[in-house]
N, C-alpha and C. Protein backbone atom coordinates (compact mmCIF):
# COMPACT_ATOMS: atom_id res chain seq x y z
N MET A 1 16.48 -29.85 15.45
CA MET A 1 15.63 -28.54 15.90
C MET A 1 16.84 -27.44 15.66
N ILE A 2 17.95 -27.52 15.47
CA ILE A 2 18.85 -26.29 14.71
C ILE A 2 18.58 -26.08 13.25
N LYS A 3 18.03 -26.39 12.65
CA LYS A 3 17.41 -26.11 11.49
C LYS A 3 16.43 -25.89 10.93
N MET A 4 15.52 -26.56 12.40
CA MET A 4 14.15 -25.68 12.58
C MET A 4 14.70 -23.93 13.10
N ALA A 5 15.43 -23.56 14.30
CA ALA A 5 15.12 -22.74 14.18
C ALA A 5 15.97 -22.26 12.72
N PHE A 6 17.29 -22.12 12.73
CA PHE A 6 17.82 -21.50 11.41
C PHE A 6 16.62 -21.01 10.23
N GLU A 7 15.67 -21.78 10.58
CA GLU A 7 14.73 -21.30 9.10
C GLU A 7 13.87 -20.28 9.30
N ARG A 8 13.29 -20.67 10.24
CA ARG A 8 12.70 -19.79 11.13
C ARG A 8 13.53 -17.97 10.74
N LEU A 9 14.49 -18.38 10.88
CA LEU A 9 15.53 -17.15 11.32
C LEU A 9 15.51 -16.67 9.77
N LYS A 10 15.98 -17.71 8.63
CA LYS A 10 16.28 -17.08 7.22
C LYS A 10 14.25 -16.65 6.85
N LYS A 11 13.76 -16.96 7.61
CA LYS A 11 12.16 -16.61 6.63
C LYS A 11 11.82 -15.33 7.09
N LYS A 12 12.14 -14.84 8.59
CA LYS A 12 11.69 -13.82 8.98
C LYS A 12 12.36 -12.18 8.83
N ILE A 13 14.09 -13.46 8.20
CA ILE A 13 15.12 -11.82 8.15
C ILE A 13 14.45 -11.60 6.09
N THR A 14 14.19 -12.41 5.35
CA THR A 14 14.16 -12.58 4.26
C THR A 14 12.01 -12.25 3.87
N LYS A 15 11.42 -13.18 3.95
CA LYS A 15 9.81 -12.98 3.57
C LYS A 15 9.44 -12.02 4.47
N GLU A 16 9.82 -11.93 5.68
CA GLU A 16 8.74 -11.03 6.67
C GLU A 16 8.77 -9.54 6.50
N ASN A 17 10.57 -9.87 6.59
CA ASN A 17 10.71 -8.07 6.18
C ASN A 17 11.17 -7.61 4.62
N LEU A 18 10.56 -7.91 3.49
CA LEU A 18 10.53 -8.24 2.61
C LEU A 18 10.88 -6.78 1.83
N TRP A 19 10.09 -5.49 2.75
CA TRP A 19 10.18 -3.87 2.16
C TRP A 19 11.34 -3.65 1.68
N LEU A 20 12.50 -4.42 2.57
CA LEU A 20 14.34 -4.14 3.34
C LEU A 20 14.31 -4.01 1.61
N TYR A 21 13.97 -5.39 0.81
CA TYR A 21 14.79 -5.87 -0.16
C TYR A 21 14.56 -4.55 -1.59
N ILE A 22 12.88 -4.85 -1.13
CA ILE A 22 12.36 -3.65 -2.20
C ILE A 22 12.76 -1.96 -2.53
N LEU A 23 13.27 -1.97 -1.11
CA LEU A 23 13.68 -0.31 -0.81
C LEU A 23 15.16 -0.35 -1.79
N THR A 24 15.74 -1.41 -0.80
CA THR A 24 16.93 -1.33 -1.66
C THR A 24 17.30 -1.83 -3.04
N LEU A 25 15.92 -2.48 -3.92
CA LEU A 25 16.60 -2.38 -5.41
C LEU A 25 15.68 -1.63 -5.88
N LEU A 26 15.05 -0.79 -5.16
CA LEU A 26 14.34 0.90 -6.04
C LEU A 26 15.31 1.79 -5.75
N LYS A 27 16.29 1.58 -4.82
CA LYS A 27 17.17 3.01 -4.50
C LYS A 27 18.49 2.65 -6.43
N ASN A 28 18.46 1.93 -7.19
CA ASN A 28 19.12 1.71 -7.99
C ASN A 28 18.07 2.44 -9.23
N GLY A 29 16.92 2.36 -8.93
CA GLY A 29 15.96 3.45 -10.23
C GLY A 29 14.67 2.09 -10.65
N PRO A 30 14.39 3.20 -10.81
CA PRO A 30 12.02 2.16 -11.07
C PRO A 30 12.54 0.71 -11.28
N VAL A 31 11.22 0.24 -10.88
CA VAL A 31 11.25 -1.05 -11.42
C VAL A 31 9.40 -1.61 -11.12
N TYR A 32 9.39 -2.57 -12.27
CA TYR A 32 8.55 -3.15 -12.59
C TYR A 32 7.27 -3.71 -11.52
N GLY A 33 6.61 -3.63 -11.28
CA GLY A 33 5.98 -5.10 -9.46
C GLY A 33 6.32 -6.45 -9.64
N TYR A 34 6.04 -7.05 -11.67
CA TYR A 34 6.27 -8.26 -12.00
C TYR A 34 7.97 -8.18 -11.65
N GLU A 35 9.00 -7.67 -11.87
CA GLU A 35 10.17 -7.52 -12.32
C GLU A 35 10.76 -7.75 -10.99
N LEU A 36 10.22 -6.92 -10.04
CA LEU A 36 10.67 -7.31 -8.72
C LEU A 36 11.25 -8.52 -7.93
N LYS A 37 10.51 -9.92 -8.72
CA LYS A 37 10.28 -11.21 -7.81
C LYS A 37 11.42 -11.41 -8.49
N ASP A 38 12.11 -11.48 -9.60
CA ASP A 38 12.67 -12.42 -9.67
C ASP A 38 14.33 -11.30 -9.39
N LYS A 39 13.97 -10.02 -9.44
CA LYS A 39 15.24 -9.27 -9.48
C LYS A 39 15.81 -9.23 -7.89
N ILE A 40 14.66 -9.99 -6.72
CA ILE A 40 15.12 -10.30 -5.32
C ILE A 40 15.86 -11.51 -5.59
N LYS A 41 15.22 -12.69 -6.26
CA LYS A 41 15.42 -13.59 -6.45
C LYS A 41 17.33 -13.92 -6.67
N GLU A 42 17.31 -13.00 -8.02
CA GLU A 42 18.57 -12.86 -8.69
C GLU A 42 19.73 -12.12 -7.72
N LYS A 43 19.52 -10.88 -6.58
CA LYS A 43 20.25 -10.69 -5.81
C LYS A 43 20.77 -10.80 -4.75
N PHE A 44 19.27 -11.21 -3.95
CA PHE A 44 19.14 -11.71 -2.32
C PHE A 44 19.44 -13.39 -2.27
N GLY A 45 18.69 -14.11 -3.57
CA GLY A 45 18.72 -15.28 -2.66
C GLY A 45 17.69 -16.30 -2.85
N PHE A 46 16.37 -15.06 -2.76
CA PHE A 46 15.28 -16.06 -2.93
C PHE A 46 14.48 -15.76 -2.87
N GLU A 47 12.85 -16.65 -3.09
CA GLU A 47 11.78 -15.82 -3.95
C GLU A 47 10.73 -16.15 -3.28
N PRO A 48 10.05 -14.59 -3.16
CA PRO A 48 9.55 -14.23 -2.11
C PRO A 48 7.64 -14.55 -3.47
N ALA A 49 6.71 -15.20 -3.48
CA ALA A 49 5.65 -15.15 -3.40
C ALA A 49 5.90 -14.28 -4.53
N LYS A 50 4.34 -14.14 -6.16
CA LYS A 50 3.99 -12.57 -6.28
C LYS A 50 3.23 -11.62 -5.47
N ILE A 51 2.22 -12.46 -5.44
CA ILE A 51 1.23 -11.32 -4.68
C ILE A 51 1.64 -10.96 -3.44
N THR A 52 2.57 -11.31 -2.79
CA THR A 52 3.54 -11.04 -1.65
C THR A 52 3.98 -9.67 -1.93
N THR A 53 5.03 -9.96 -2.67
CA THR A 53 5.72 -8.69 -3.29
C THR A 53 4.00 -7.72 -3.74
N TYR A 54 3.12 -7.89 -4.82
CA TYR A 54 2.17 -6.87 -4.53
C TYR A 54 2.05 -6.14 -3.63
N VAL A 55 1.21 -6.90 -2.88
CA VAL A 55 0.96 -6.50 -1.32
C VAL A 55 2.16 -4.71 -0.16
N VAL A 56 3.28 -6.25 -0.47
CA VAL A 56 4.35 -4.86 -0.06
C VAL A 56 4.44 -4.03 -0.30
N LEU A 57 4.42 -3.40 -1.46
CA LEU A 57 4.62 -2.53 -2.81
C LEU A 57 3.19 -1.89 -2.29
N TYR A 58 2.12 -1.98 -2.32
CA TYR A 58 0.68 -1.27 -1.95
C TYR A 58 0.66 -0.86 -0.37
N LYS A 59 1.63 -1.91 0.29
CA LYS A 59 2.09 -0.92 1.12
C LYS A 59 2.33 0.10 1.83
N LEU A 60 4.16 0.05 1.06
CA LEU A 60 5.06 1.09 0.79
C LEU A 60 4.90 1.95 0.51
N GLU A 61 3.71 2.15 -1.10
CA GLU A 61 3.13 2.96 -1.89
C GLU A 61 2.28 3.70 -0.64
N LYS A 62 1.49 3.06 0.12
CA LYS A 62 0.26 3.29 1.14
C LYS A 62 1.08 4.91 1.69
N GLU A 63 2.08 3.62 2.51
CA GLU A 63 2.90 5.00 3.58
C GLU A 63 4.27 5.80 3.38
N GLY A 64 3.76 5.97 1.79
CA GLY A 64 4.93 6.92 1.28
C GLY A 64 6.05 6.81 1.38
N LEU A 65 5.89 5.53 1.03
CA LEU A 65 7.84 5.32 0.89
C LEU A 65 8.47 4.88 0.08
N VAL A 66 7.40 4.79 -1.16
CA VAL A 66 7.31 4.31 -2.37
C VAL A 66 6.22 4.74 -3.71
N LYS A 67 6.22 5.85 -4.68
CA LYS A 67 5.79 5.89 -5.52
C LYS A 67 5.18 5.23 -6.53
N SER A 68 4.14 5.53 -7.20
CA SER A 68 4.16 4.60 -8.93
C SER A 68 3.73 5.51 -9.83
N ILE A 69 4.57 5.29 -11.41
CA ILE A 69 4.26 5.51 -12.51
C ILE A 69 3.61 4.71 -13.39
N LYS A 70 2.50 4.79 -14.14
CA LYS A 70 2.29 4.71 -14.76
C LYS A 70 2.70 4.10 -16.51
N ASN A 71 3.41 4.01 -16.91
CA ASN A 71 4.00 4.35 -17.93
C ASN A 71 3.04 3.60 -20.02
N THR A 72 2.23 4.95 -20.09
CA THR A 72 1.34 4.62 -21.25
C THR A 72 2.04 4.57 -22.67
N GLU A 73 3.02 5.08 -22.76
CA GLU A 73 2.82 5.19 -23.78
C GLU A 73 4.05 3.77 -23.96
N LYS A 74 4.70 2.75 -23.83
CA LYS A 74 5.28 1.85 -23.99
C LYS A 74 4.45 0.77 -24.14
N SER A 75 3.67 0.86 -22.56
CA SER A 75 2.66 -0.34 -22.21
C SER A 75 2.10 0.36 -20.96
N SER A 76 1.22 -0.33 -20.17
CA SER A 76 0.73 -0.18 -19.33
C SER A 76 1.28 -0.94 -17.80
N ARG A 77 3.08 -1.08 -17.84
CA ARG A 77 3.50 -1.20 -16.55
C ARG A 77 3.47 -0.21 -15.55
N LYS A 78 3.47 -0.72 -14.38
CA LYS A 78 3.37 0.27 -13.14
C LYS A 78 4.57 0.43 -12.55
N TYR A 79 5.12 1.15 -12.89
CA TYR A 79 6.92 2.18 -12.36
C TYR A 79 7.26 1.84 -11.09
N TYR A 80 7.58 1.29 -9.93
CA TYR A 80 7.73 1.93 -8.90
C TYR A 80 9.04 2.68 -8.18
N TYR A 81 9.64 3.44 -7.84
CA TYR A 81 10.48 4.07 -7.16
C TYR A 81 10.45 4.41 -5.56
N ILE A 82 11.66 4.77 -5.80
CA ILE A 82 12.13 4.84 -4.19
C ILE A 82 11.51 6.72 -3.55
N THR A 83 10.85 7.68 -3.23
CA THR A 83 10.61 8.06 -2.19
C THR A 83 11.59 8.73 -1.30
N GLU A 84 11.96 10.46 -1.62
CA GLU A 84 12.46 10.75 0.41
C GLU A 84 13.13 10.08 1.61
N LYS A 85 11.25 9.85 1.25
CA LYS A 85 10.70 8.59 2.96
C LYS A 85 11.51 7.73 2.93
N GLY A 86 10.93 6.82 1.65
CA GLY A 86 11.48 5.50 1.68
C GLY A 86 12.64 5.10 1.84
N SER A 87 13.85 6.00 0.97
CA SER A 87 15.55 5.81 1.34
C SER A 87 15.70 6.71 2.56
N LYS A 88 14.89 6.55 3.74
CA LYS A 88 15.29 7.54 4.78
C LYS A 88 14.60 5.97 5.79
N THR A 89 14.16 6.29 5.16
CA THR A 89 13.19 4.91 6.12
C THR A 89 14.53 3.56 5.88
N LEU A 90 15.12 3.00 4.90
CA LEU A 90 15.61 1.79 4.77
C LEU A 90 17.10 2.69 5.15
N GLU A 91 17.71 3.22 5.59
CA GLU A 91 18.70 3.85 6.31
C GLU A 91 18.65 3.90 7.47
N GLU A 92 17.65 3.88 8.12
CA GLU A 92 17.20 3.59 10.33
C GLU A 92 17.24 1.88 9.67
N GLY A 93 16.68 1.23 8.80
CA GLY A 93 16.34 0.01 8.52
C GLY A 93 17.36 -0.81 9.36
N LEU A 94 18.67 -0.36 8.22
CA LEU A 94 19.76 -1.10 7.25
C LEU A 94 20.65 -0.77 8.77
N LYS A 95 20.35 0.33 9.98
CA LYS A 95 21.06 1.25 11.25
C LYS A 95 20.93 0.03 12.10
N PHE A 96 19.47 -0.47 12.20
CA PHE A 96 18.64 -1.48 13.58
C PHE A 96 19.27 -2.76 13.14
N LEU A 97 19.25 -3.38 12.08
CA LEU A 97 20.47 -4.51 11.68
C LEU A 97 21.79 -4.72 11.97
N LYS A 98 22.49 -3.98 11.54
CA LYS A 98 23.56 -2.98 11.80
C LYS A 98 23.97 -3.41 12.93
N LYS A 99 23.63 -2.65 13.89
CA LYS A 99 23.57 -2.28 15.41
C LYS A 99 23.10 -3.77 16.17
N MET A 100 21.92 -4.27 15.73
CA MET A 100 21.78 -5.99 16.58
C MET A 100 22.65 -6.66 15.86
N ILE A 101 23.36 -6.41 14.62
CA ILE A 101 24.76 -7.82 14.57
C ILE A 101 25.89 -7.47 15.13
N ASN A 102 25.97 -6.10 14.84
CA ASN A 102 26.75 -6.20 15.94
C ASN A 102 26.75 -6.60 17.66
N SER A 103 26.21 -6.13 17.96
CA SER A 103 25.03 -6.57 19.54
C SER A 103 25.41 -8.65 19.80
N LEU A 104 25.16 -8.78 18.91
CA LEU A 104 24.95 -9.84 19.22
C LEU A 104 26.26 -10.60 18.59
N GLU A 105 27.27 -9.90 18.03
CA GLU A 105 28.14 -10.76 17.96
C GLU A 105 29.27 -10.26 19.09
């Protein structure tokens, strides 16, 4: 029973809040979509589905939290970068999580 509850918690905090991880990575500079999945696995220790990563990216772009630029000189890759609104939203999300963790301790 404990393991099931823990697995649900991990899923909720990781895959269901993928936007937090994506914005955190984009703070360090532009990244192309396909690369994000590997960077998430490397930095945060879980591997989201590639399609899920793109769905979240499109939602973030629609909300104005990220922008994309297509690099036509070198390749047709679309690079994503965080916007000012995205940085502020990430800050608020992290503040909320820290507050929740502090209240649970």
